[in-house]
Amino acid sequence: MKEQNIILLLGYMLILDKFTYHSTMILTHKND
């Protein structure tokens, strides 16, 4: 059970990281 939670958390963090990266790219493009 605990291992499954860690995998879920890692996956969630990965998705968040991708989303944040995408948002940062859009913001940087806007500033340019």
PDB file of N, CA and C in Angstrom:
ATOM      1  N   MET A   1       0.839  -1.211   0.000  1.00  0.00           N
ATOM      2  CA  MET A   1       0.000   0.000   0.000  1.00  0.00           C
ATOM      3  C   MET A   1       0.872   1.259   0.000  1.00  0.00           C
ATOM      4  N   LYS A   2       1.875   1.259   0.869  1.00  0.00           N
ATOM      5  CA  LYS A   2       2.732   2.443   0.980  1.00  0.00           C
ATOM      6  C   LYS A   2       3.492   2.671  -0.320  1.00  0.00           C
ATOM      7  N   GLU A   3       3.968   1.571  -0.916  1.00  0.00           N
ATOM      8  CA  GLU A   3       4.726   1.694  -2.165  1.00  0.00           C
ATOM      9  C   GLU A   3       3.849   2.291  -3.266  1.00  0.00           C
ATOM     10  N   GLN A   4       2.594   1.873  -3.305  1.00  0.00           N
ATOM     11  CA  GLN A   4       1.660   2.386  -4.312  1.00  0.00           C
ATOM     12  C   GLN A   4       1.464   3.887  -4.136  1.00  0.00           C
ATOM     13  N   ASN A   5       1.400   4.333  -2.885  1.00  0.00           N
ATOM     14  CA  ASN A   5       1.220   5.755  -2.608  1.00  0.00           C
ATOM     15  C   ASN A   5       2.410   6.557  -3.095  1.00  0.00           C
ATOM     16  N   ILE A   6       3.625   6.000  -2.907  1.00  0.00           N
ATOM     17  CA  ILE A   6       4.841   6.695  -3.339  1.00  0.00           C
ATOM     18  C   ILE A   6       4.850   6.814  -4.860  1.00  0.00           C
ATOM     19  N   ILE A   7       4.446   5.744  -5.542  1.00  0.00           N
ATOM     20  CA  ILE A   7       4.404   5.762  -7.009  1.00  0.00           C
ATOM     21  C   ILE A   7       3.393   6.806  -7.479  1.00  0.00           C
ATOM     22  N   LEU A   8       2.243   6.863  -6.801  1.00  0.00           N
ATOM     23  CA  LEU A   8       1.218   7.849  -7.153  1.00  0.00           C
ATOM     24  C   LEU A   8       1.735   9.260  -6.944  1.00  0.00           C
ATOM     25  N   LEU A   9       2.443   9.452  -5.834  1.00  0.00           N
ATOM     26  CA  LEU A   9       2.986  10.773  -5.515  1.00  0.00           C
ATOM     27  C   LEU A   9       4.030  11.180  -6.552  1.00  0.00           C
ATOM     28  N   LEU A  10       4.879  10.238  -6.935  1.00  0.00           N
ATOM     29  CA  LEU A  10       5.913  10.521  -7.942  1.00  0.00           C
ATOM     30  C   LEU A  10       5.267  10.884  -9.276  1.00  0.00           C
ATOM     31  N   GLY A  11       4.241  10.138  -9.640  1.00  0.00           N
ATOM     32  CA  GLY A  11       3.539  10.415 -10.892  1.00  0.00           C
ATOM     33  C   GLY A  11       2.870  11.780 -10.863  1.00  0.00           C
ATOM     34  N   TYR A  12       2.273  12.106  -9.716  1.00  0.00           N
ATOM     35  CA  TYR A  12       1.603  13.397  -9.549  1.00  0.00           C
ATOM     36  C   TYR A  12       2.611  14.536  -9.646  1.00  0.00           C
ATOM     37  N   MET A  13       3.776  14.338  -9.013  1.00  0.00           N
ATOM     38  CA  MET A  13       4.827  15.356  -9.049  1.00  0.00           C
ATOM     39  C   MET A  13       5.344  15.541 -10.467  1.00  0.00           C
ATOM     40  N   LEU A  14       5.457  14.434 -11.211  1.00  0.00           N
ATOM     41  CA  LEU A  14       5.948  14.497 -12.588  1.00  0.00           C
ATOM     42  C   LEU A  14       4.974  15.300 -13.448  1.00  0.00           C
ATOM     43  N   ILE A  15       3.672  15.035 -13.284  1.00  0.00           N
ATOM     44  CA  ILE A  15       2.647  15.761 -14.039  1.00  0.00           C
ATOM     45  C   ILE A  15       2.683  17.244 -13.667  1.00  0.00           C
ATOM     46  N   LEU A  16       2.820  17.524 -12.359  1.00  0.00           N
ATOM     47  CA  LEU A  16       2.884  18.906 -11.889  1.00  0.00           C
ATOM     48  C   LEU A  16       4.095  19.605 -12.489  1.00  0.00           C
ATOM     49  N   ASP A  17       5.225  18.905 -12.520  1.00  0.00           N
ATOM     50  CA  ASP A  17       6.461  19.470 -13.049  1.00  0.00           C
ATOM     51  C   ASP A  17       6.294  19.799 -14.533  1.00  0.00           C
ATOM     52  N   LYS A  18       5.669  18.895 -15.278  1.00  0.00           N
ATOM     53  CA  LYS A  18       5.432  19.122 -16.710  1.00  0.00           C
ATOM     54  C   LYS A  18       4.522  20.324 -16.911  1.00  0.00           C
ATOM     55  N   PHE A  19       3.462  20.407 -16.092  1.00  0.00           N
ATOM     56  CA  PHE A  19       2.502  21.496 -16.188  1.00  0.00           C
ATOM     57  C   PHE A  19       3.165  22.833 -15.869  1.00  0.00           C
ATOM     58  N   THR A  20       3.986  22.832 -14.806  1.00  0.00           N
ATOM     59  CA  THR A  20       4.683  24.057 -14.408  1.00  0.00           C
ATOM     60  C   THR A  20       5.644  24.489 -15.503  1.00  0.00           C
ATOM     61  N   TYR A  21       6.352  23.520 -16.098  1.00  0.00           N
ATOM     62  CA  TYR A  21       7.298  23.825 -17.175  1.00  0.00           C
ATOM     63  C   TYR A  21       6.560  24.438 -18.361  1.00  0.00           C
ATOM     64  N   HIS A  22       5.422  23.887 -18.704  1.00  0.00           N
ATOM     65  CA  HIS A  22       4.623  24.393 -19.815  1.00  0.00           C
ATOM     66  C   HIS A  22       4.149  25.819 -19.536  1.00  0.00           C
ATOM     67  N   SER A  23       3.681  26.044 -18.296  1.00  0.00           N
ATOM     68  CA  SER A  23       3.193  27.373 -17.908  1.00  0.00           C
ATOM     69  C   SER A  23       4.332  28.387 -17.940  1.00  0.00           C
ATOM     70  N   THR A  24       5.504  27.980 -17.479  1.00  0.00           N
ATOM     71  CA  THR A  24       6.670  28.873 -17.474  1.00  0.00           C
ATOM     72  C   THR A  24       7.035  29.244 -18.905  1.00  0.00           C
ATOM     73  N   MET A  25       6.972  28.264 -19.815  1.00  0.00           N
ATOM     74  CA  MET A  25       7.297  28.529 -21.220  1.00  0.00           C
ATOM     75  C   MET A  25       6.328  29.549 -21.802  1.00  0.00           C
ATOM     76  N   ILE A  26       5.042  29.405 -21.494  1.00  0.00           N
ATOM     77  CA  ILE A  26       4.014  30.330 -22.003  1.00  0.00           C
ATOM     78  C   ILE A  26       4.267  31.728 -21.443  1.00  0.00           C
ATOM     79  N   LEU A  27       4.572  31.801 -20.142  1.00  0.00           N
ATOM     80  CA  LEU A  27       4.823  33.097 -19.494  1.00  0.00           C
ATOM     81  C   LEU A  27       6.050  33.760 -20.103  1.00  0.00           C
ATOM     82  N   THR A  28       7.101  32.965 -20.328  1.00  0.00           N
ATOM     83  CA  THR A  28       8.334  33.509 -20.909  1.00  0.00           C
ATOM     84  C   THR A  28       8.055  34.001 -22.325  1.00  0.00           C
ATOM     85  N   HIS A  29       7.251  33.272 -23.068  1.00  0.00           N
ATOM     86  CA  HIS A  29       6.923  33.655 -24.437  1.00  0.00           C
ATOM     87  C   HIS A  29       6.128  34.960 -24.445  1.00  0.00           C
ATOM     88  N   LYS A  30       5.250  35.106 -23.447  1.00  0.00           N
ATOM     89  CA  LYS A  30       4.444  36.330 -23.347  1.00  0.00           C
ATOM     90  C   LYS A  30       5.341  37.543 -23.094  1.00  0.00           C
ATOM     91  N   ASN A  31       6.314  37.375 -22.205  1.00  0.00           N
ATOM     92  CA  ASN A  31       7.218  38.472 -21.860  1.00  0.00           C
ATOM     93  C   ASN A  31       8.057  38.886 -23.064  1.00  0.00           C
ATOM     94  N   ASP A  32       8.391  37.923 -23.907  1.00  0.00           N
ATOM     95  CA  ASP A  32       9.179  38.216 -25.103  1.00  0.00           C
ATOM     96  C   ASP A  32       8.315  38.966 -26.094  1.00  0.00           C
TER      97      ASP A  32
END
